[in-house]
Amino acid sequence: MSSIFTRILAGDLPGHFIWKDDLCFAILTIQPIRTGHAIVIPNTEINHWDDVPPATAAHLMQVSQHVAKAIKQLVPCKRVGLMVVGLEVPHTHLHVMPIDTPADMDFKYASAAPPQELEKTAAALRKVLQAAGHPQAVS
């Protein structure tokens, strides 16, 4: 069975996209720890991050950096954290989120966000990414 992320990419489930290219996509998580919490996901289902081919892993990191820069422009924060956990969905994904302290990366703070809020944030992030010259920032 396809992962939830594959189903989102295929359009079978809704997703708040901020990036799509040949190797990966980025969406906002529906249970953000904080506004702007995004996930960068390879298009191919790869269960463990340490099995991601090196070129794809490098690309995921590069896209995560672009997303992080957009988050910093949009959400007041001291840093943008990056985390790979992989327990909740068996499809590699990198969490990119605004933080002020290390405790801000604790999933106990995650909660469901209204779809309208997620779409507003996704649209704002796409606008920042497009302004930075990234045509991959699409809905």
N, C-alpha and C. Protein backbone atom coordinates (compact mmCIF):
# COMPACT_ATOMS: atom_id res chain seq x y z
N MET A 1 0.84 -1.19 0.00
CA MET A 1 0.00 0.00 0.00
C MET A 1 0.88 1.25 0.00
N SER A 2 0.47 2.24 -0.72
CA SER A 2 1.23 3.49 -0.82
C SER A 2 1.20 4.24 0.51
N SER A 3 2.28 4.95 0.79
CA SER A 3 2.31 5.77 2.00
C SER A 3 1.38 6.96 1.85
N ILE A 4 1.06 7.57 2.95
CA ILE A 4 0.22 8.77 2.92
C ILE A 4 0.87 9.86 2.07
N PHE A 5 2.19 9.94 2.09
CA PHE A 5 2.88 10.97 1.31
C PHE A 5 2.77 10.69 -0.19
N THR A 6 2.87 9.43 -0.57
CA THR A 6 2.71 9.07 -1.98
C THR A 6 1.29 9.40 -2.44
N ARG A 7 0.33 9.15 -1.58
CA ARG A 7 -1.07 9.43 -1.92
C ARG A 7 -1.31 10.94 -2.03
N ILE A 8 -0.64 11.73 -1.20
CA ILE A 8 -0.73 13.19 -1.31
C ILE A 8 -0.11 13.65 -2.62
N LEU A 9 1.08 13.15 -2.94
CA LEU A 9 1.77 13.53 -4.17
C LEU A 9 0.93 13.17 -5.40
N ALA A 10 0.25 12.03 -5.35
CA ALA A 10 -0.57 11.58 -6.48
C ALA A 10 -1.88 12.36 -6.59
N GLY A 11 -2.20 13.16 -5.57
CA GLY A 11 -3.45 13.91 -5.59
C GLY A 11 -4.63 13.15 -5.03
N ASP A 12 -4.39 11.97 -4.46
CA ASP A 12 -5.45 11.18 -3.87
C ASP A 12 -5.89 11.73 -2.51
N LEU A 13 -5.01 12.45 -1.86
CA LEU A 13 -5.31 13.11 -0.59
C LEU A 13 -4.86 14.57 -0.70
N PRO A 14 -5.51 15.46 0.02
CA PRO A 14 -5.11 16.87 -0.07
C PRO A 14 -3.75 17.10 0.59
N GLY A 15 -3.04 18.09 0.09
CA GLY A 15 -1.77 18.48 0.67
C GLY A 15 -1.54 19.96 0.43
N HIS A 16 -0.86 20.59 1.35
CA HIS A 16 -0.55 22.02 1.23
C HIS A 16 0.89 22.13 0.73
N PHE A 17 1.02 22.06 -0.60
CA PHE A 17 2.32 22.00 -1.25
C PHE A 17 3.02 23.35 -1.24
N ILE A 18 4.34 23.28 -1.07
CA ILE A 18 5.16 24.49 -1.21
C ILE A 18 6.30 24.25 -2.20
N TRP A 19 6.51 23.00 -2.63
CA TRP A 19 7.61 22.68 -3.55
C TRP A 19 7.30 21.37 -4.25
N LYS A 20 7.60 21.29 -5.54
CA LYS A 20 7.52 20.03 -6.29
C LYS A 20 8.60 20.05 -7.36
N ASP A 21 9.37 18.96 -7.44
CA ASP A 21 10.31 18.80 -8.54
C ASP A 21 10.42 17.32 -8.87
N ASP A 22 11.39 16.96 -9.69
CA ASP A 22 11.50 15.56 -10.14
C ASP A 22 11.92 14.59 -9.05
N LEU A 23 12.56 15.08 -7.98
CA LEU A 23 13.06 14.20 -6.92
C LEU A 23 12.30 14.27 -5.61
N CYS A 24 11.68 15.42 -5.34
CA CYS A 24 11.05 15.57 -4.04
C CYS A 24 9.92 16.59 -4.06
N PHE A 25 9.24 16.67 -2.94
CA PHE A 25 8.21 17.69 -2.76
C PHE A 25 8.22 18.11 -1.29
N ALA A 26 7.65 19.27 -1.04
CA ALA A 26 7.55 19.78 0.34
C ALA A 26 6.12 20.23 0.57
N ILE A 27 5.62 19.87 1.73
CA ILE A 27 4.27 20.24 2.14
C ILE A 27 4.32 20.72 3.58
N LEU A 28 3.26 21.39 3.99
CA LEU A 28 3.11 21.70 5.40
C LEU A 28 2.48 20.50 6.08
N THR A 29 2.96 20.16 7.25
CA THR A 29 2.37 19.07 8.01
C THR A 29 1.02 19.52 8.56
N ILE A 30 0.07 18.59 8.62
CA ILE A 30 -1.26 18.94 9.11
C ILE A 30 -1.29 19.04 10.64
N GLN A 31 -0.21 18.58 11.29
CA GLN A 31 -0.09 18.71 12.73
C GLN A 31 1.23 19.41 13.06
N PRO A 32 1.28 20.70 12.77
CA PRO A 32 2.54 21.43 13.00
C PRO A 32 2.84 21.62 14.48
N ILE A 33 4.11 21.65 14.76
CA ILE A 33 4.56 22.03 16.10
C ILE A 33 4.43 23.54 16.22
N ARG A 34 4.66 24.21 15.11
CA ARG A 34 4.59 25.67 15.05
C ARG A 34 4.23 26.07 13.62
N THR A 35 3.62 27.21 13.43
CA THR A 35 3.29 27.70 12.10
C THR A 35 4.54 27.68 11.22
N GLY A 36 4.39 27.16 10.01
CA GLY A 36 5.51 27.09 9.09
C GLY A 36 6.21 25.74 9.07
N HIS A 37 5.80 24.82 9.93
CA HIS A 37 6.42 23.50 10.03
C HIS A 37 6.16 22.73 8.73
N ALA A 38 7.22 22.50 7.97
CA ALA A 38 7.12 21.84 6.67
C ALA A 38 7.84 20.50 6.72
N ILE A 39 7.54 19.66 5.74
CA ILE A 39 8.27 18.41 5.58
C ILE A 39 8.69 18.28 4.12
N VAL A 40 9.94 17.86 3.93
CA VAL A 40 10.51 17.66 2.60
C VAL A 40 10.63 16.14 2.41
N ILE A 41 10.08 15.66 1.28
CA ILE A 41 9.86 14.23 1.10
C ILE A 41 10.35 13.79 -0.28
N PRO A 42 11.11 12.70 -0.37
CA PRO A 42 11.46 12.21 -1.70
C PRO A 42 10.21 11.67 -2.39
N ASN A 43 10.13 11.83 -3.71
CA ASN A 43 8.98 11.32 -4.46
C ASN A 43 8.89 9.80 -4.38
N THR A 44 10.03 9.15 -4.32
CA THR A 44 10.09 7.69 -4.22
C THR A 44 9.97 7.28 -2.76
N GLU A 45 9.15 6.28 -2.49
CA GLU A 45 9.02 5.78 -1.12
C GLU A 45 10.30 5.08 -0.70
N ILE A 46 10.94 5.65 0.29
CA ILE A 46 12.14 5.06 0.88
C ILE A 46 11.91 5.10 2.38
N ASN A 47 11.83 3.93 3.00
CA ASN A 47 11.43 3.84 4.39
C ASN A 47 12.42 4.53 5.33
N HIS A 48 13.69 4.22 5.23
CA HIS A 48 14.70 4.75 6.15
C HIS A 48 15.55 5.82 5.48
N TRP A 49 15.81 6.90 6.18
CA TRP A 49 16.58 8.01 5.60
C TRP A 49 17.98 7.56 5.22
N ASP A 50 18.51 6.59 5.92
CA ASP A 50 19.88 6.16 5.60
C ASP A 50 19.94 5.25 4.37
N ASP A 51 18.80 4.97 3.76
CA ASP A 51 18.76 4.24 2.49
C ASP A 51 18.53 5.15 1.29
N VAL A 52 18.37 6.44 1.53
CA VAL A 52 18.16 7.39 0.44
C VAL A 52 19.46 7.49 -0.37
N PRO A 53 19.38 7.36 -1.70
CA PRO A 53 20.60 7.48 -2.51
C PRO A 53 21.29 8.83 -2.24
N PRO A 54 22.61 8.86 -2.25
CA PRO A 54 23.34 10.08 -1.92
C PRO A 54 22.91 11.31 -2.71
N ALA A 55 22.69 11.18 -4.00
CA ALA A 55 22.30 12.36 -4.79
C ALA A 55 20.94 12.88 -4.36
N THR A 56 20.02 11.97 -4.05
CA THR A 56 18.69 12.39 -3.59
C THR A 56 18.79 13.00 -2.20
N ALA A 57 19.60 12.42 -1.34
CA ALA A 57 19.79 12.97 0.01
C ALA A 57 20.34 14.39 -0.06
N ALA A 58 21.30 14.61 -0.93
CA ALA A 58 21.86 15.96 -1.10
C ALA A 58 20.79 16.92 -1.60
N HIS A 59 19.96 16.45 -2.52
CA HIS A 59 18.90 17.29 -3.05
C HIS A 59 17.87 17.61 -1.96
N LEU A 60 17.51 16.63 -1.14
CA LEU A 60 16.58 16.88 -0.03
C LEU A 60 17.13 17.96 0.90
N MET A 61 18.42 17.90 1.18
CA MET A 61 19.04 18.90 2.05
C MET A 61 19.00 20.28 1.39
N GLN A 62 19.29 20.34 0.11
CA GLN A 62 19.27 21.62 -0.60
C GLN A 62 17.86 22.22 -0.60
N VAL A 63 16.86 21.41 -0.88
CA VAL A 63 15.48 21.91 -0.84
C VAL A 63 15.12 22.34 0.58
N SER A 64 15.54 21.57 1.56
CA SER A 64 15.28 21.94 2.97
C SER A 64 15.88 23.30 3.29
N GLN A 65 17.06 23.58 2.75
CA GLN A 65 17.68 24.89 2.97
C GLN A 65 16.85 26.00 2.33
N HIS A 66 16.36 25.78 1.13
CA HIS A 66 15.51 26.80 0.48
C HIS A 66 14.24 27.04 1.30
N VAL A 67 13.63 25.96 1.74
CA VAL A 67 12.41 26.07 2.55
C VAL A 67 12.72 26.79 3.87
N ALA A 68 13.85 26.47 4.48
CA ALA A 68 14.24 27.11 5.74
C ALA A 68 14.40 28.62 5.56
N LYS A 69 15.03 29.02 4.48
CA LYS A 69 15.20 30.46 4.23
C LYS A 69 13.86 31.15 4.07
N ALA A 70 12.91 30.48 3.41
CA ALA A 70 11.57 31.06 3.25
C ALA A 70 10.86 31.14 4.60
N ILE A 71 10.99 30.10 5.41
CA ILE A 71 10.37 30.12 6.73
C ILE A 71 10.92 31.28 7.55
N LYS A 72 12.25 31.48 7.51
CA LYS A 72 12.86 32.57 8.28
C LYS A 72 12.33 33.93 7.87
N GLN A 73 11.99 34.09 6.59
CA GLN A 73 11.45 35.37 6.14
C GLN A 73 10.00 35.57 6.58
N LEU A 74 9.31 34.48 6.80
CA LEU A 74 7.88 34.55 7.08
C LEU A 74 7.53 34.46 8.57
N VAL A 75 8.27 33.63 9.30
CA VAL A 75 7.93 33.33 10.69
C VAL A 75 9.04 33.85 11.60
N PRO A 76 8.71 34.72 12.56
CA PRO A 76 9.74 35.17 13.50
C PRO A 76 10.29 33.98 14.30
N CYS A 77 11.60 33.79 14.25
CA CYS A 77 12.23 32.69 14.97
C CYS A 77 13.73 32.94 15.04
N LYS A 78 14.38 32.28 16.01
CA LYS A 78 15.84 32.40 16.12
C LYS A 78 16.56 31.52 15.10
N ARG A 79 15.99 30.36 14.82
CA ARG A 79 16.58 29.40 13.89
C ARG A 79 15.47 28.63 13.20
N VAL A 80 15.88 27.86 12.20
CA VAL A 80 14.99 26.87 11.61
C VAL A 80 15.66 25.52 11.84
N GLY A 81 14.96 24.66 12.56
CA GLY A 81 15.50 23.35 12.89
C GLY A 81 15.20 22.32 11.81
N LEU A 82 16.03 21.30 11.76
CA LEU A 82 15.86 20.20 10.81
C LEU A 82 15.92 18.89 11.60
N MET A 83 14.93 18.02 11.35
CA MET A 83 14.87 16.78 12.11
C MET A 83 14.37 15.65 11.19
N VAL A 84 14.99 14.49 11.34
CA VAL A 84 14.55 13.30 10.64
C VAL A 84 14.20 12.29 11.73
N VAL A 85 12.94 11.89 11.78
CA VAL A 85 12.51 10.96 12.81
C VAL A 85 12.11 9.64 12.16
N GLY A 86 11.05 9.67 11.37
CA GLY A 86 10.69 8.50 10.58
C GLY A 86 9.91 7.41 11.27
N LEU A 87 9.36 7.66 12.43
CA LEU A 87 8.59 6.62 13.10
C LEU A 87 7.13 6.62 12.68
N GLU A 88 6.60 7.79 12.40
CA GLU A 88 5.16 7.91 12.17
C GLU A 88 4.71 7.52 10.76
N VAL A 89 5.54 7.66 9.76
CA VAL A 89 5.21 7.30 8.39
C VAL A 89 6.43 6.59 7.80
N PRO A 90 6.25 5.40 7.21
CA PRO A 90 7.39 4.66 6.65
C PRO A 90 7.79 5.18 5.26
N HIS A 91 8.06 6.47 5.19
CA HIS A 91 8.48 7.14 3.95
C HIS A 91 9.33 8.32 4.42
N THR A 92 10.60 8.29 4.11
CA THR A 92 11.54 9.31 4.59
C THR A 92 10.98 10.71 4.43
N HIS A 93 11.15 11.53 5.45
CA HIS A 93 10.76 12.93 5.37
C HIS A 93 11.57 13.74 6.37
N LEU A 94 11.92 14.95 5.96
CA LEU A 94 12.70 15.85 6.79
C LEU A 94 11.78 16.94 7.32
N HIS A 95 11.74 17.09 8.63
CA HIS A 95 10.95 18.15 9.26
C HIS A 95 11.79 19.43 9.26
N VAL A 96 11.22 20.51 8.76
CA VAL A 96 11.88 21.81 8.71
C VAL A 96 10.93 22.77 9.45
N MET A 97 11.39 23.31 10.59
CA MET A 97 10.47 24.09 11.40
C MET A 97 11.15 25.26 12.11
N PRO A 98 10.40 26.34 12.29
CA PRO A 98 10.95 27.47 13.03
C PRO A 98 11.07 27.12 14.51
N ILE A 99 12.18 27.55 15.11
CA ILE A 99 12.40 27.27 16.53
C ILE A 99 13.07 28.47 17.21
N ASP A 100 12.85 28.54 18.51
CA ASP A 100 13.57 29.51 19.35
C ASP A 100 14.42 28.80 20.39
N THR A 101 14.05 27.56 20.72
CA THR A 101 14.82 26.74 21.66
C THR A 101 14.78 25.30 21.16
N PRO A 102 15.68 24.45 21.63
CA PRO A 102 15.62 23.04 21.24
C PRO A 102 14.29 22.38 21.62
N ALA A 103 13.69 22.83 22.69
CA ALA A 103 12.41 22.25 23.13
C ALA A 103 11.30 22.48 22.11
N ASP A 104 11.48 23.47 21.22
CA ASP A 104 10.47 23.76 20.20
C ASP A 104 10.36 22.65 19.16
N MET A 105 11.23 21.66 19.21
CA MET A 105 11.18 20.56 18.25
C MET A 105 10.52 19.31 18.85
N ASP A 106 9.86 19.47 19.97
CA ASP A 106 9.22 18.35 20.66
C ASP A 106 7.82 18.13 20.09
N PHE A 107 7.55 16.92 19.63
CA PHE A 107 6.27 16.61 19.00
C PHE A 107 5.10 16.67 19.97
N LYS A 108 5.37 16.78 21.26
CA LYS A 108 4.25 16.92 22.19
C LYS A 108 3.53 18.25 21.97
N TYR A 109 4.17 19.19 21.26
CA TYR A 109 3.55 20.48 20.96
C TYR A 109 2.79 20.48 19.64
N ALA A 110 2.81 19.38 18.92
CA ALA A 110 2.11 19.30 17.63
C ALA A 110 0.60 19.27 17.85
N SER A 111 -0.11 19.97 16.99
CA SER A 111 -1.57 19.94 17.06
C SER A 111 -2.14 20.20 15.67
N ALA A 112 -3.35 19.71 15.45
CA ALA A 112 -3.99 19.87 14.16
C ALA A 112 -4.20 21.35 13.85
N ALA A 113 -3.93 21.71 12.61
CA ALA A 113 -4.12 23.10 12.17
C ALA A 113 -5.28 23.14 11.18
N PRO A 114 -6.07 24.21 11.22
CA PRO A 114 -7.17 24.33 10.26
C PRO A 114 -6.63 24.40 8.82
N PRO A 115 -7.29 23.71 7.88
CA PRO A 115 -6.83 23.72 6.49
C PRO A 115 -6.66 25.12 5.92
N GLN A 116 -7.54 26.05 6.30
CA GLN A 116 -7.44 27.42 5.78
C GLN A 116 -6.14 28.09 6.24
N GLU A 117 -5.76 27.83 7.48
CA GLU A 117 -4.51 28.39 8.00
C GLU A 117 -3.31 27.79 7.28
N LEU A 118 -3.34 26.48 7.06
CA LEU A 118 -2.25 25.80 6.35
C LEU A 118 -2.12 26.33 4.93
N GLU A 119 -3.25 26.52 4.24
CA GLU A 119 -3.18 27.00 2.86
C GLU A 119 -2.67 28.44 2.81
N LYS A 120 -3.06 29.25 3.78
CA LYS A 120 -2.57 30.64 3.83
C LYS A 120 -1.04 30.65 4.03
N THR A 121 -0.56 29.82 4.93
CA THR A 121 0.88 29.74 5.19
C THR A 121 1.62 29.18 3.98
N ALA A 122 1.05 28.14 3.36
CA ALA A 122 1.68 27.54 2.17
C ALA A 122 1.77 28.57 1.04
N ALA A 123 0.71 29.32 0.84
CA ALA A 123 0.72 30.34 -0.22
C ALA A 123 1.80 31.39 0.05
N ALA A 124 1.93 31.80 1.31
CA ALA A 124 2.94 32.80 1.66
C ALA A 124 4.35 32.24 1.44
N LEU A 125 4.58 30.98 1.81
CA LEU A 125 5.89 30.37 1.60
C LEU A 125 6.20 30.22 0.12
N ARG A 126 5.21 29.82 -0.68
CA ARG A 126 5.42 29.71 -2.13
C ARG A 126 5.80 31.06 -2.71
N LYS A 127 5.14 32.10 -2.26
CA LYS A 127 5.43 33.45 -2.76
C LYS A 127 6.88 33.85 -2.45
N VAL A 128 7.33 33.56 -1.23
CA VAL A 128 8.72 33.88 -0.85
C VAL A 128 9.69 33.05 -1.69
N LEU A 129 9.40 31.77 -1.87
CA LEU A 129 10.28 30.91 -2.67
C LEU A 129 10.32 31.34 -4.13
N GLN A 130 9.18 31.69 -4.68
CA GLN A 130 9.13 32.16 -6.08
C GLN A 130 9.91 33.46 -6.24
N ALA A 131 9.77 34.35 -5.26
CA ALA A 131 10.50 35.62 -5.31
C ALA A 131 12.01 35.40 -5.26
N ALA A 132 12.43 34.28 -4.63
CA ALA A 132 13.85 33.94 -4.54
C ALA A 132 14.33 33.20 -5.79
N GLY A 133 13.44 33.05 -6.78
CA GLY A 133 13.84 32.44 -8.04
C GLY A 133 13.64 30.93 -8.11
N HIS A 134 12.71 30.40 -7.33
CA HIS A 134 12.46 28.96 -7.32
C HIS A 134 11.11 28.65 -7.96
N PRO A 135 11.09 28.33 -9.25
CA PRO A 135 9.82 28.01 -9.91
C PRO A 135 9.21 26.70 -9.43
N GLN A 136 9.96 25.94 -8.66
CA GLN A 136 9.45 24.67 -8.11
C GLN A 136 8.42 24.92 -7.00
N ALA A 137 8.31 26.15 -6.55
CA ALA A 137 7.35 26.50 -5.50
C ALA A 137 5.96 26.59 -6.13
N VAL A 138 5.27 25.44 -6.11
CA VAL A 138 3.95 25.35 -6.73
C VAL A 138 2.96 24.70 -5.79
N SER A 139 1.70 24.97 -6.04
CA SER A 139 0.65 24.38 -5.21
C SER A 139 0.14 23.09 -5.80
